[in-house]
Protein backbone atom coordinates (compact mmCIF):
# COMPACT_ATOMS: atom_id res chain seq x y z
CA UNK A 1 -2.17 16.41 -25.60
CA UNK A 2 -0.08 13.25 -25.53
CA UNK A 3 -1.35 10.21 -23.63
CA UNK A 4 1.62 10.52 -21.25
CA UNK A 5 0.63 14.03 -20.26
CA UNK A 6 -3.03 13.07 -19.87
CA UNK A 7 -2.19 10.26 -17.46
CA UNK A 8 0.26 12.31 -15.39
CA UNK A 9 -2.10 15.28 -15.18
CA UNK A 10 -4.97 13.03 -14.13
CA UNK A 11 -3.08 11.57 -11.17
CA UNK A 12 -1.45 14.90 -10.26
CA UNK A 13 -4.77 15.93 -8.72
CA UNK A 14 -4.22 13.21 -6.09
CA UNK A 15 -1.03 14.80 -4.79
CA UNK A 16 2.71 14.84 -5.36
CA UNK A 17 3.20 11.18 -4.43
CA UNK A 18 0.63 10.03 -7.00
CA UNK A 19 2.13 12.31 -9.65
CA UNK A 20 5.66 11.01 -9.03
CA UNK A 21 4.38 7.43 -9.15
CA UNK A 22 2.59 8.08 -12.45
CA UNK A 23 5.74 9.58 -14.01
CA UNK A 24 7.86 6.60 -12.98
CA UNK A 25 5.34 4.06 -14.21
CA UNK A 26 4.76 5.81 -17.53
CA UNK A 27 8.54 5.81 -18.07
CA UNK A 28 8.60 2.03 -17.51
CA UNK A 29 5.68 1.43 -19.86
CA UNK A 30 7.25 3.57 -22.57
CA UNK A 31 10.48 1.57 -22.36
CA UNK A 32 8.43 -1.53 -23.22
CA UNK A 33 6.90 0.32 -26.16
CA UNK A 34 10.45 1.03 -27.34
CA UNK A 35 11.32 -2.66 -27.43
CA UNK A 36 11.94 -4.13 -23.98
CA UNK A 37 9.95 -7.33 -23.34
CA UNK A 38 8.98 -6.25 -19.81
CA UNK A 39 9.89 -3.81 -17.03
CA UNK A 40 9.26 -3.98 -13.29
CA UNK A 41 8.93 -1.13 -10.80
CA UNK A 42 10.24 -0.91 -7.27
CA UNK A 43 7.84 -1.58 -4.39
CA UNK A 44 5.01 0.96 -4.32
CA UNK A 45 1.77 1.68 -2.50
CA UNK A 46 -1.52 0.05 -3.65
CA UNK A 47 -2.33 3.13 -5.75
CA UNK A 48 0.32 1.95 -8.22
CA UNK A 49 -1.97 -0.90 -9.31
CA UNK A 50 -4.65 1.53 -10.48
CA UNK A 51 -2.08 3.76 -12.18
CA UNK A 52 -0.53 0.77 -13.99
CA UNK A 53 -3.91 -0.41 -15.23
CA UNK A 54 -4.76 3.10 -16.44
CA UNK A 55 -1.48 3.37 -18.34
CA UNK A 56 -1.94 -0.02 -20.01
CA UNK A 57 -5.51 0.87 -21.03
CA UNK A 58 -4.32 4.05 -22.72
CA UNK A 59 -1.19 2.67 -24.38
CA UNK A 60 -2.84 -0.52 -25.69
CA UNK A 61 0.49 -2.08 -26.74
CA UNK A 62 1.37 -3.17 -23.19
CA UNK A 63 -0.34 -5.02 -20.37
CA UNK A 64 0.18 -4.43 -16.66
CA UNK A 65 0.39 -6.83 -13.77
CA UNK A 66 1.59 -6.65 -10.19
CA UNK A 67 3.10 -8.81 -7.47
CA UNK A 68 3.92 -8.19 -3.83
CA UNK A 69 5.05 -11.70 -2.95
CA UNK A 70 1.61 -12.91 -1.86
CA UNK A 71 -1.98 -12.32 -2.88
CA UNK A 72 -2.99 -9.88 -0.12
CA UNK A 73 0.19 -7.77 -0.24
CA UNK A 74 -0.20 -4.02 0.17
CA UNK A 75 3.15 -2.92 -1.20
CA UNK A 76 3.61 -4.28 -4.71
CA UNK A 77 5.80 -4.15 -7.78
CA UNK A 78 4.04 -3.18 -11.00
CA UNK A 79 5.17 -4.76 -14.27
CA UNK A 80 4.52 -3.82 -17.87
CA UNK A 81 5.01 -6.38 -20.59
CA UNK A 82 4.68 -6.20 -24.34
CA UNK A 83 1.52 -7.76 -25.75
CA UNK A 84 3.83 -9.88 -27.92
CA UNK A 85 5.85 -11.19 -24.96
CA UNK A 86 4.89 -14.71 -23.96
CA UNK A 87 7.47 -15.32 -21.24
CA UNK A 88 7.35 -14.94 -17.46
CA UNK A 89 7.97 -11.67 -15.67
CA UNK A 90 10.75 -11.80 -13.08
CA UNK A 91 9.67 -9.54 -10.22
CA UNK A 92 12.88 -10.20 -8.25
CA UNK A 93 11.20 -10.49 -4.85
CA UNK A 94 13.03 -12.21 -2.00
CA UNK A 95 11.71 -13.23 1.42
CA UNK A 96 13.83 -12.67 4.53
CA UNK A 97 13.12 -14.22 7.91
CA UNK A 98 14.24 -12.10 10.89
CA UNK A 99 14.26 -13.59 14.38
CA UNK A 100 15.30 -12.30 17.82
CA UNK A 101 15.10 -13.10 21.52
CA UNK A 102 11.91 -11.40 22.72
CA UNK A 103 12.73 -11.64 26.43
CA UNK A 104 14.37 -8.22 26.45
CA UNK A 105 12.05 -5.97 24.46
CA UNK A 106 8.76 -6.03 22.60
CA UNK A 107 9.63 -5.26 18.97
CA UNK A 108 7.03 -3.94 16.57
CA UNK A 109 6.62 -3.12 12.89
CA UNK A 110 7.90 0.44 13.33
CA UNK A 111 11.05 -0.78 15.08
CA UNK A 112 11.89 -3.15 12.23
CA UNK A 113 11.16 -0.58 9.52
CA UNK A 114 13.09 2.13 11.36
CA UNK A 115 16.16 -0.07 11.76
CA UNK A 116 16.12 -0.98 8.07
CA UNK A 117 15.78 2.66 7.03
CA UNK A 118 18.65 3.44 9.40
CA UNK A 119 20.88 1.35 7.15
CA UNK A 120 20.25 3.86 4.36
CA UNK A 121 17.80 1.54 2.61
CA UNK A 122 15.13 3.29 0.56
CA UNK A 123 11.50 2.43 1.33
CA UNK A 124 10.99 1.36 -2.30
CA UNK A 125 13.34 -1.59 -1.71
CA UNK A 126 10.99 -3.01 0.94
CA UNK A 127 7.65 -4.72 0.47
CA UNK A 128 5.39 -5.77 3.32
CA UNK A 129 6.82 -6.45 6.78
CA UNK A 130 4.83 -9.25 8.42
CA UNK A 131 5.18 -9.44 12.19
CA UNK A 132 4.80 -12.82 13.90
CA UNK A 133 5.74 -12.72 17.58
CA UNK A 134 9.51 -12.83 17.94
CA UNK A 135 9.91 -12.99 14.19
CA UNK A 136 9.31 -10.90 11.11
CA UNK A 137 9.11 -11.91 7.48
CA UNK A 138 10.17 -9.14 5.13
CA UNK A 139 9.63 -9.01 1.38
CA UNK A 140 12.52 -7.19 -0.28
CA UNK A 141 13.90 -6.40 -3.69
CA UNK A 142 16.03 -9.39 -4.67
CA UNK A 143 18.96 -7.17 -5.64
CA UNK A 144 19.20 -5.93 -2.04
CA UNK A 145 18.73 -9.18 -0.14
CA UNK A 146 22.45 -9.90 0.32
CA UNK A 147 23.14 -6.37 1.56
CA UNK A 148 20.33 -6.60 4.09
CA UNK A 149 21.43 -10.04 5.28
CA UNK A 150 24.96 -8.74 5.85
CA UNK A 151 24.11 -5.43 7.50
CA UNK A 152 20.80 -5.86 9.29
CA UNK A 153 22.07 -7.05 12.68
CA UNK A 154 20.01 -5.16 15.30
CA UNK A 155 16.52 -3.83 15.91
CA UNK A 156 16.21 -1.32 18.76
CA UNK A 157 19.52 -2.58 20.21
CA UNK A 158 18.32 -6.19 20.13
CA UNK A 159 20.48 -8.55 18.00
CA UNK A 160 18.62 -10.21 15.13
CA UNK A 161 19.35 -13.16 12.85
CA UNK A 162 18.46 -12.84 9.18
CA UNK A 163 18.16 -15.58 6.58
CA UNK A 164 16.61 -15.82 3.14
CA UNK A 165 13.84 -18.39 2.82
CA UNK A 166 11.67 -19.54 -0.12
CA UNK A 167 8.59 -17.47 -0.88
CA UNK A 168 6.55 -20.62 -0.35
CA UNK A 169 7.37 -20.40 3.38
CA UNK A 170 5.69 -17.01 3.75
CA UNK A 171 3.10 -16.99 6.54
CA UNK A 172 0.32 -14.48 5.96
CA UNK A 173 -0.99 -13.13 9.28
CA UNK A 174 -4.73 -13.38 9.70
CA UNK A 175 -6.28 -9.96 9.25
CA UNK A 176 -8.68 -9.26 12.05
CA UNK A 177 -11.25 -6.58 11.38
CA UNK A 178 -13.45 -4.93 13.97
CA UNK A 179 -17.01 -4.51 12.74
CA UNK A 180 -18.48 -1.09 13.38
CA UNK A 181 -22.12 -0.17 12.83
CA UNK A 182 -22.79 3.53 12.59
CA UNK A 183 -25.36 6.06 11.49
CA UNK A 184 -24.06 9.07 9.57
CA UNK A 185 -25.74 12.24 8.37
CA UNK A 186 -24.17 11.87 4.92
CA UNK A 187 -21.51 9.95 2.99
CA UNK A 188 -19.05 12.80 3.35
CA UNK A 189 -15.51 11.75 4.16
CA UNK A 190 -15.38 13.62 7.46
CA UNK A 191 -18.63 12.04 8.67
CA UNK A 192 -17.82 8.47 7.66
CA UNK A 193 -14.19 8.70 8.77
CA UNK A 194 -15.14 10.05 12.18
CA UNK A 195 -17.61 7.18 12.68
CA UNK A 196 -15.21 4.50 11.48
CA UNK A 197 -12.19 5.63 13.48
CA UNK A 198 -14.13 6.68 16.57
CA UNK A 199 -13.04 10.31 16.26
CA UNK A 200 -14.86 13.57 16.70
CA UNK A 201 -15.88 15.29 13.48
CA UNK A 202 -13.52 18.16 14.35
CA UNK A 203 -10.56 15.80 14.81
CA UNK A 204 -11.31 14.05 11.52
CA UNK A 205 -11.39 17.38 9.71
CA UNK A 206 -7.99 18.23 11.20
CA UNK A 207 -6.60 14.91 9.96
CA UNK A 208 -7.89 15.55 6.44
CA UNK A 209 -6.65 19.14 6.37
CA UNK A 210 -3.28 17.93 7.65
CA UNK A 211 -2.93 15.57 4.66
CA UNK A 212 -2.95 12.47 6.87
CA UNK A 213 -5.95 10.84 5.21
CA UNK A 214 -6.14 8.78 2.01
CA UNK A 215 -9.15 7.41 0.15
CA UNK A 216 -8.33 4.32 -1.91
CA UNK A 217 -4.63 5.13 -1.38
CA UNK A 218 -4.95 8.62 -2.84
CA UNK A 219 -4.72 11.81 -0.80
CA UNK A 220 -8.14 12.96 0.37
CA UNK A 221 -9.40 15.80 -1.80
CA UNK A 222 -11.51 17.59 0.85
CA UNK A 223 -13.53 17.04 3.99
CA UNK A 224 -16.70 17.04 1.88
CA UNK A 225 -15.45 14.35 -0.52
CA UNK A 226 -18.14 11.72 -1.06
CA UNK A 227 -17.20 8.11 -0.26
CA UNK A 228 -19.01 4.91 -1.18
CA UNK A 229 -19.27 1.20 -0.41
CA UNK A 230 -15.92 -0.66 -0.74
CA UNK A 231 -13.91 2.55 -0.45
CA UNK A 232 -10.88 2.28 1.84
CA UNK A 233 -10.10 5.22 4.11
CA UNK A 234 -6.72 5.24 5.81
CA UNK A 235 -5.16 7.58 8.36
CA UNK A 236 -1.41 7.59 8.78
CA UNK A 237 -0.62 5.97 12.12
CA UNK A 238 -4.21 4.83 12.78
CA UNK A 239 -4.79 2.04 10.26
CA UNK A 240 -7.64 1.90 7.79
CA UNK A 241 -11.34 1.25 7.44
CA UNK A 242 -13.38 -0.23 4.61
CA UNK A 243 -17.01 0.67 4.04
CA UNK A 244 -18.57 -2.78 3.86
CA UNK A 245 -22.20 -1.95 3.16
CA UNK A 246 -25.04 0.50 3.59
CA UNK A 247 -27.48 -1.13 6.00
CA UNK A 248 -30.43 1.23 5.54
CA UNK A 249 -31.87 4.65 6.23
CA UNK A 250 -33.39 6.00 9.41
CA UNK A 251 -36.67 7.89 9.51
CA UNK A 252 -34.64 11.07 9.94
CA UNK A 253 -32.68 10.36 6.77
CA UNK A 254 -29.43 9.18 8.35
CA UNK A 255 -27.50 6.42 6.58
CA UNK A 256 -26.65 3.17 8.36
CA UNK A 257 -23.21 1.72 7.63
CA UNK A 258 -21.32 -1.47 8.33
CA UNK A 259 -17.62 -0.61 8.50
CA UNK A 260 -14.61 -2.90 8.91
CA UNK A 261 -11.70 -1.38 10.80
CA UNK A 262 -8.17 -2.75 10.44
CA UNK A 263 -5.21 -1.71 12.57
């Protein structure tokens, strides 16, 4: 079986999104093998980093890297470059500053994203959206920055002003995590997820069965999936948790956990 098929089949087990991502990234890597100095993807979820590294490890003639505009970015562009290429990779990432008068309405992340999507813009054009009071900083594909500046005029009926600013002016919001200490019967996904998100075990199972849960940015395989320290569990619409450490065992055999929850 060809390396391409091995890679795609491996990530297919994580769901359709992972499979589609693997196909697109393999195509980019193969174009470098055919002679291009480098290729760059559109914005993708964090799973793309792992897929890119896997592809580069198998192909051996290319290396992978990624960039989302800042070090902690969630949505990133993955690049492949030939091992013989010594130049810089142009990720074509622009930073837009969006401001509005916040006296009339409280605007949130969903409002900004919804208004952008309402312009017919694909999600893959957009990187992270960083909210800062009556302002948002949006990382976008450089090829679309002019279109967005010209057409993005309102969010939830509130007029907005958009300008492109240097990436150096990006302000990374401080991530505040809530520490949760819990005791769980096992390291099963449903048990740990329920503890971390403050849900009943039944509700967590429903979330997993409804394909709303990801582990390390891949669709959860089952309610009984085993998770471990440093794994990230996310629920669509509820944020994410990271298993920080195992703090010990109780006399009844339950496992103590320190969990960080991010919203």
